[in-house]
């Protein structure tokens, strides 16, 4: 995978490459879905961003399997993060929306 001309290896082997070549991911998101946090069920496609409608903590899993806790996320925040899942453990934020 490349990111604006820089090669970014996808070592996960899970096929969740997010291409930025050719402007495919430039501009506004094209789709969105409600997120139900789960410790086991991945999204069908990775997010480009997550909207937080109710303040709290959000624990995301990135396409390479890294778990990242975002703490004290305020209402109305858009986190520009590629995620394949939001874990229910440690996630206290509500009204989450995945943007792809």
Foldseek 3Di string as FASTA:
>chain_A
DADPNRDDDQPQPPPQDDDPPPNPPPDFFDDKDWADAAPPAWDPHWFQKKAFQFWAKWWFQAPSGDTDIDGGDHHGDIGRGTGGGIHPVRTPTDRMMGTD
